[in-house]
C-alpha atoms as a PDB file:
ATOM      1  CA  UNK A   1     122.628 137.434  87.723  1.00  0.00           C
ATOM      2  CA  UNK A   2     121.302 141.525  88.003  1.00  0.00           C
ATOM      3  CA  UNK A   3     117.961 141.433  88.929  1.00  0.00           C
ATOM      4  CA  UNK A   4     117.491 144.387  86.815  1.00  0.00           C
ATOM      5  CA  UNK A   5     117.150 141.602  83.188  1.00  0.00           C
ATOM      6  CA  UNK A   6     114.388 139.783  84.987  1.00  0.00           C
ATOM      7  CA  UNK A   7     112.212 142.465  84.683  1.00  0.00           C
ATOM      8  CA  UNK A   8     112.347 142.940  80.427  1.00  0.00           C
ATOM      9  CA  UNK A   9     112.006 139.040  80.038  1.00  0.00           C
ATOM     10  CA  UNK A  10     108.665 138.523  82.716  1.00  0.00           C
ATOM     11  CA  UNK A  11     107.350 141.911  80.281  1.00  0.00           C
ATOM     12  CA  UNK A  12     108.629 140.746  77.253  1.00  0.00           C
ATOM     13  CA  UNK A  13     106.296 136.984  77.583  1.00  0.00           C
ATOM     14  CA  UNK A  14     103.620 138.596  78.850  1.00  0.00           C
ATOM     15  CA  UNK A  15     103.483 140.824  75.973  1.00  0.00           C
ATOM     16  CA  UNK A  16     104.071 138.267  73.030  1.00  0.00           C
ATOM     17  CA  UNK A  17     100.971 135.815  74.490  1.00  0.00           C
ATOM     18  CA  UNK A  18      99.144 138.591  75.137  1.00  0.00           C
ATOM     19  CA  UNK A  19      99.228 139.238  71.406  1.00  0.00           C
ATOM     20  CA  UNK A  20     100.351 136.404  69.013  1.00  0.00           C
ATOM     21  CA  UNK A  21      98.152 133.810  71.830  1.00  0.00           C
ATOM     22  CA  UNK A  22      95.363 135.894  73.486  1.00  0.00           C
ATOM     23  CA  UNK A  23      95.722 134.416  76.869  1.00  0.00           C
ATOM     24  CA  UNK A  24      96.395 135.950  80.213  1.00  0.00           C
ATOM     25  CA  UNK A  25      99.380 134.385  81.977  1.00  0.00           C
ATOM     26  CA  UNK A  26      99.701 134.931  85.726  1.00  0.00           C
ATOM     27  CA  UNK A  27     103.295 135.376  86.862  1.00  0.00           C
ATOM     28  CA  UNK A  28     104.741 134.024  89.784  1.00  0.00           C
ATOM     29  CA  UNK A  29     107.173 134.584  92.383  1.00  0.00           C
ATOM     30  CA  UNK A  30     110.998 134.284  90.665  1.00  0.00           C
ATOM     31  CA  UNK A  31     113.419 131.913  92.239  1.00  0.00           C
ATOM     32  CA  UNK A  32     116.872 130.495  91.740  1.00  0.00           C
ATOM     33  CA  UNK A  33     117.278 126.625  89.893  1.00  0.00           C
ATOM     34  CA  UNK A  34     120.569 125.083  90.609  1.00  0.00           C
ATOM     35  CA  UNK A  35     120.140 122.481  88.286  1.00  0.00           C
ATOM     36  CA  UNK A  36     119.694 121.446  84.773  1.00  0.00           C
ATOM     37  CA  UNK A  37     115.757 119.884  84.437  1.00  0.00           C
ATOM     38  CA  UNK A  38     113.433 121.372  82.593  1.00  0.00           C
ATOM     39  CA  UNK A  39     110.779 122.011  84.222  1.00  0.00           C
ATOM     40  CA  UNK A  40     107.678 121.281  81.532  1.00  0.00           C
ATOM     41  CA  UNK A  41     107.483 119.046  78.182  1.00  0.00           C
ATOM     42  CA  UNK A  42     108.527 120.915  75.881  1.00  0.00           C
ATOM     43  CA  UNK A  43     111.433 123.417  75.749  1.00  0.00           C
ATOM     44  CA  UNK A  44     112.502 126.829  73.873  1.00  0.00           C
ATOM     45  CA  UNK A  45     116.509 127.979  74.515  1.00  0.00           C
ATOM     46  CA  UNK A  46     117.789 130.676  72.863  1.00  0.00           C
ATOM     47  CA  UNK A  47     121.526 131.628  73.658  1.00  0.00           C
ATOM     48  CA  UNK A  48     122.212 136.150  74.142  1.00  0.00           C
ATOM     49  CA  UNK A  49     125.547 137.391  72.622  1.00  0.00           C
ATOM     50  CA  UNK A  50     126.388 140.883  73.340  1.00  0.00           C
ATOM     51  CA  UNK A  51     127.773 143.145  76.250  1.00  0.00           C
ATOM     52  CA  UNK A  52     125.766 140.458  78.196  1.00  0.00           C
ATOM     53  CA  UNK A  53     125.932 137.358  77.329  1.00  0.00           C
ATOM     54  CA  UNK A  54     123.910 134.352  78.509  1.00  0.00           C
ATOM     55  CA  UNK A  55     120.124 132.053  77.540  1.00  0.00           C
ATOM     56  CA  UNK A  56     116.432 132.383  77.917  1.00  0.00           C
ATOM     57  CA  UNK A  57     114.496 129.162  78.237  1.00  0.00           C
ATOM     58  CA  UNK A  58     110.902 128.905  77.870  1.00  0.00           C
ATOM     59  CA  UNK A  59     109.719 125.507  79.629  1.00  0.00           C
ATOM     60  CA  UNK A  60     106.350 125.064  78.703  1.00  0.00           C
ATOM     61  CA  UNK A  61     103.394 122.188  80.597  1.00  0.00           C
ATOM     62  CA  UNK A  62     101.398 119.800  77.582  1.00  0.00           C
ATOM     63  CA  UNK A  63      97.676 122.009  78.691  1.00  0.00           C
ATOM     64  CA  UNK A  64      99.665 125.310  78.394  1.00  0.00           C
ATOM     65  CA  UNK A  65     101.389 125.260  75.246  1.00  0.00           C
ATOM     66  CA  UNK A  66      98.369 123.557  73.935  1.00  0.00           C
ATOM     67  CA  UNK A  67      95.837 125.952  74.053  1.00  0.00           C
ATOM     68  CA  UNK A  68      98.909 129.002  73.994  1.00  0.00           C
ATOM     69  CA  UNK A  69      99.561 127.111  70.250  1.00  0.00           C
ATOM     70  CA  UNK A  70      95.824 126.348  69.153  1.00  0.00           C
ATOM     71  CA  UNK A  71      94.830 130.425  70.030  1.00  0.00           C
ATOM     72  CA  UNK A  72      97.925 130.958  68.095  1.00  0.00           C
ATOM     73  CA  UNK A  73      96.740 129.037  64.748  1.00  0.00           C
ATOM     74  CA  UNK A  74      93.058 129.489  65.160  1.00  0.00           C
ATOM     75  CA  UNK A  75      92.741 125.697  64.927  1.00  0.00           C
ATOM     76  CA  UNK A  76      92.132 123.416  68.446  1.00  0.00           C
ATOM     77  CA  UNK A  77      95.965 120.994  68.280  1.00  0.00           C
ATOM     78  CA  UNK A  78      95.727 117.866  71.245  1.00  0.00           C
ATOM     79  CA  UNK A  79      99.132 116.626  70.801  1.00  0.00           C
ATOM     80  CA  UNK A  80     102.198 117.611  70.995  1.00  0.00           C
ATOM     81  CA  UNK A  81     103.927 117.741  67.650  1.00  0.00           C
ATOM     82  CA  UNK A  82     105.972 119.207  64.651  1.00  0.00           C
ATOM     83  CA  UNK A  83     103.832 122.283  64.694  1.00  0.00           C
ATOM     84  CA  UNK A  84     104.312 122.926  68.753  1.00  0.00           C
ATOM     85  CA  UNK A  85     107.787 121.957  68.462  1.00  0.00           C
ATOM     86  CA  UNK A  86     107.702 124.636  65.704  1.00  0.00           C
ATOM     87  CA  UNK A  87     105.922 127.728  67.710  1.00  0.00           C
ATOM     88  CA  UNK A  88     108.458 127.094  70.610  1.00  0.00           C
ATOM     89  CA  UNK A  89     110.644 127.668  68.792  1.00  0.00           C
ATOM     90  CA  UNK A  90     108.948 130.709  67.740  1.00  0.00           C
ATOM     91  CA  UNK A  91     107.357 132.009  71.155  1.00  0.00           C
ATOM     92  CA  UNK A  92     110.718 131.312  72.164  1.00  0.00           C
ATOM     93  CA  UNK A  93     111.936 133.744  69.688  1.00  0.00           C
ATOM     94  CA  UNK A  94     109.731 136.900  69.722  1.00  0.00           C
ATOM     95  CA  UNK A  95     110.311 136.255  73.499  1.00  0.00           C
ATOM     96  CA  UNK A  96     114.164 136.432  73.618  1.00  0.00           C
ATOM     97  CA  UNK A  97     113.574 139.734  71.142  1.00  0.00           C
ATOM     98  CA  UNK A  98     110.681 141.817  73.664  1.00  0.00           C
ATOM     99  CA  UNK A  99     113.107 141.115  76.096  1.00  0.00           C
ATOM    100  CA  UNK A 100     116.335 141.994  74.260  1.00  0.00           C
ATOM    101  CA  UNK A 101     114.087 145.778  73.039  1.00  0.00           C
ATOM    102  CA  UNK A 102     113.842 146.064  76.768  1.00  0.00           C
ATOM    103  CA  UNK A 103     117.573 145.466  77.690  1.00  0.00           C
ATOM    104  CA  UNK A 104     119.189 147.341  74.977  1.00  0.00           C
ATOM    105  CA  UNK A 105     116.992 150.754  76.237  1.00  0.00           C
ATOM    106  CA  UNK A 106     119.715 150.001  79.023  1.00  0.00           C
ATOM    107  CA  UNK A 107     122.661 151.066  77.010  1.00  0.00           C
ATOM    108  CA  UNK A 108     123.951 147.292  76.696  1.00  0.00           C
ATOM    109  CA  UNK A 109     124.131 145.272  72.868  1.00  0.00           C
ATOM    110  CA  UNK A 110     122.222 142.296  71.746  1.00  0.00           C
ATOM    111  CA  UNK A 111     121.697 139.467  69.303  1.00  0.00           C
ATOM    112  CA  UNK A 112     120.212 136.454  69.561  1.00  0.00           C
ATOM    113  CA  UNK A 113     121.491 132.166  67.910  1.00  0.00           C
ATOM    114  CA  UNK A 114     118.428 130.683  66.309  1.00  0.00           C
ATOM    115  CA  UNK A 115     116.036 128.873  69.516  1.00  0.00           C
ATOM    116  CA  UNK A 116     116.463 124.834  69.888  1.00  0.00           C
ATOM    117  CA  UNK A 117     113.839 123.121  71.125  1.00  0.00           C
ATOM    118  CA  UNK A 118     113.681 119.482  73.447  1.00  0.00           C
ATOM    119  CA  UNK A 119     110.883 118.200  74.705  1.00  0.00           C
ATOM    120  CA  UNK A 120     110.288 114.854  76.036  1.00  0.00           C
ATOM    121  CA  UNK A 121     109.210 114.306  79.810  1.00  0.00           C
ATOM    122  CA  UNK A 122     112.899 114.887  82.804  1.00  0.00           C
ATOM    123  CA  UNK A 123     114.281 117.077  79.580  1.00  0.00           C
ATOM    124  CA  UNK A 124     117.445 118.901  80.579  1.00  0.00           C
ATOM    125  CA  UNK A 125     118.528 123.085  79.624  1.00  0.00           C
ATOM    126  CA  UNK A 126     122.010 123.293  79.722  1.00  0.00           C
ATOM    127  CA  UNK A 127     122.323 127.170  79.923  1.00  0.00           C
ATOM    128  CA  UNK A 128     125.715 128.777  78.068  1.00  0.00           C
ATOM    129  CA  UNK A 129     126.746 130.391  81.127  1.00  0.00           C
ATOM    130  CA  UNK A 130     125.993 127.064  83.242  1.00  0.00           C
ATOM    131  CA  UNK A 131     125.357 127.631  86.935  1.00  0.00           C
ATOM    132  CA  UNK A 132     121.882 128.789  88.666  1.00  0.00           C
ATOM    133  CA  UNK A 133     119.565 130.429  86.700  1.00  0.00           C
ATOM    134  CA  UNK A 134     116.615 132.567  87.349  1.00  0.00           C
ATOM    135  CA  UNK A 135     112.931 131.288  86.967  1.00  0.00           C
ATOM    136  CA  UNK A 136     109.708 133.235  86.577  1.00  0.00           C
ATOM    137  CA  UNK A 137     106.639 130.382  87.088  1.00  0.00           C
ATOM    138  CA  UNK A 138     103.780 131.442  85.409  1.00  0.00           C
ATOM    139  CA  UNK A 139     100.406 130.077  85.633  1.00  0.00           C
ATOM    140  CA  UNK A 140      97.081 129.466  82.654  1.00  0.00           C
ATOM    141  CA  UNK A 141      94.406 127.866  83.266  1.00  0.00           C
ATOM    142  CA  UNK A 142      95.742 125.388  81.188  1.00  0.00           C
ATOM    143  CA  UNK A 143      98.664 124.499  82.878  1.00  0.00           C
ATOM    144  CA  UNK A 144     101.995 126.230  84.034  1.00  0.00           C
ATOM    145  CA  UNK A 145     105.241 127.244  82.171  1.00  0.00           C
ATOM    146  CA  UNK A 146     108.265 128.808  83.209  1.00  0.00           C
ATOM    147  CA  UNK A 147     110.604 131.279  82.035  1.00  0.00           C
ATOM    148  CA  UNK A 148     114.274 130.423  82.780  1.00  0.00           C
ATOM    149  CA  UNK A 149     117.532 132.958  82.455  1.00  0.00           C
ATOM    150  CA  UNK A 150     120.894 132.757  82.955  1.00  0.00           C
ATOM    151  CA  UNK A 151     122.804 135.700  82.166  1.00  0.00           C
ATOM    152  CA  UNK A 152     125.963 137.608  83.215  1.00  0.00           C
ATOM    153  CA  UNK A 153     127.089 140.618  84.178  1.00  0.00           C
ATOM    154  CA  UNK A 154     128.419 142.890  81.187  1.00  0.00           C
ATOM    155  CA  UNK A 155     131.498 142.779  79.912  1.00  0.00           C
END
C-alpha cells in the first residue's frame, strides 16, 4: 500500500471528530497489522472502489466512542447501544468521504459502499483486499481508537 494514502485518512479522521464531536484525538505512529482482529469494541468498515480499491475500518474502545457520540448528540450515553452503532456507521462514512476528497485531489476517482458496523469482544475486520493493513492508532483521554486502512495500487 502506498503511504501517500495514509495522510488523507489521518487528516479526515481528525477533521471529522473535531468538527462533529468536539474532541481532539492524538494520532500515534502507524504500523502494519497482519491479522484480522479488531483493535476496539465496536468497528465500522466501508469498502472503497474506483481508480483505487480498498477499505477503511474505524475501531473504537468503549470509552472513546461513548465520549464521541455523547458529544455529537449533546447528551451522555453510557452504554454501547443502537445509537452508538448508528453513529459509528455515520462517522465511518464521514471519515471515508473526507479522505476520498483528499485522494481525489491527487487525480483518482473514488466511491464508497455503505458502512457495516460490527461489535463485541475480539471481533474481526475483513478488508476487501485481504492481507495486511495499515493502522493509525489514536488516543483520547477516554480511551484509544484506530483507523485501519487497506488500499491497493491504482488500476
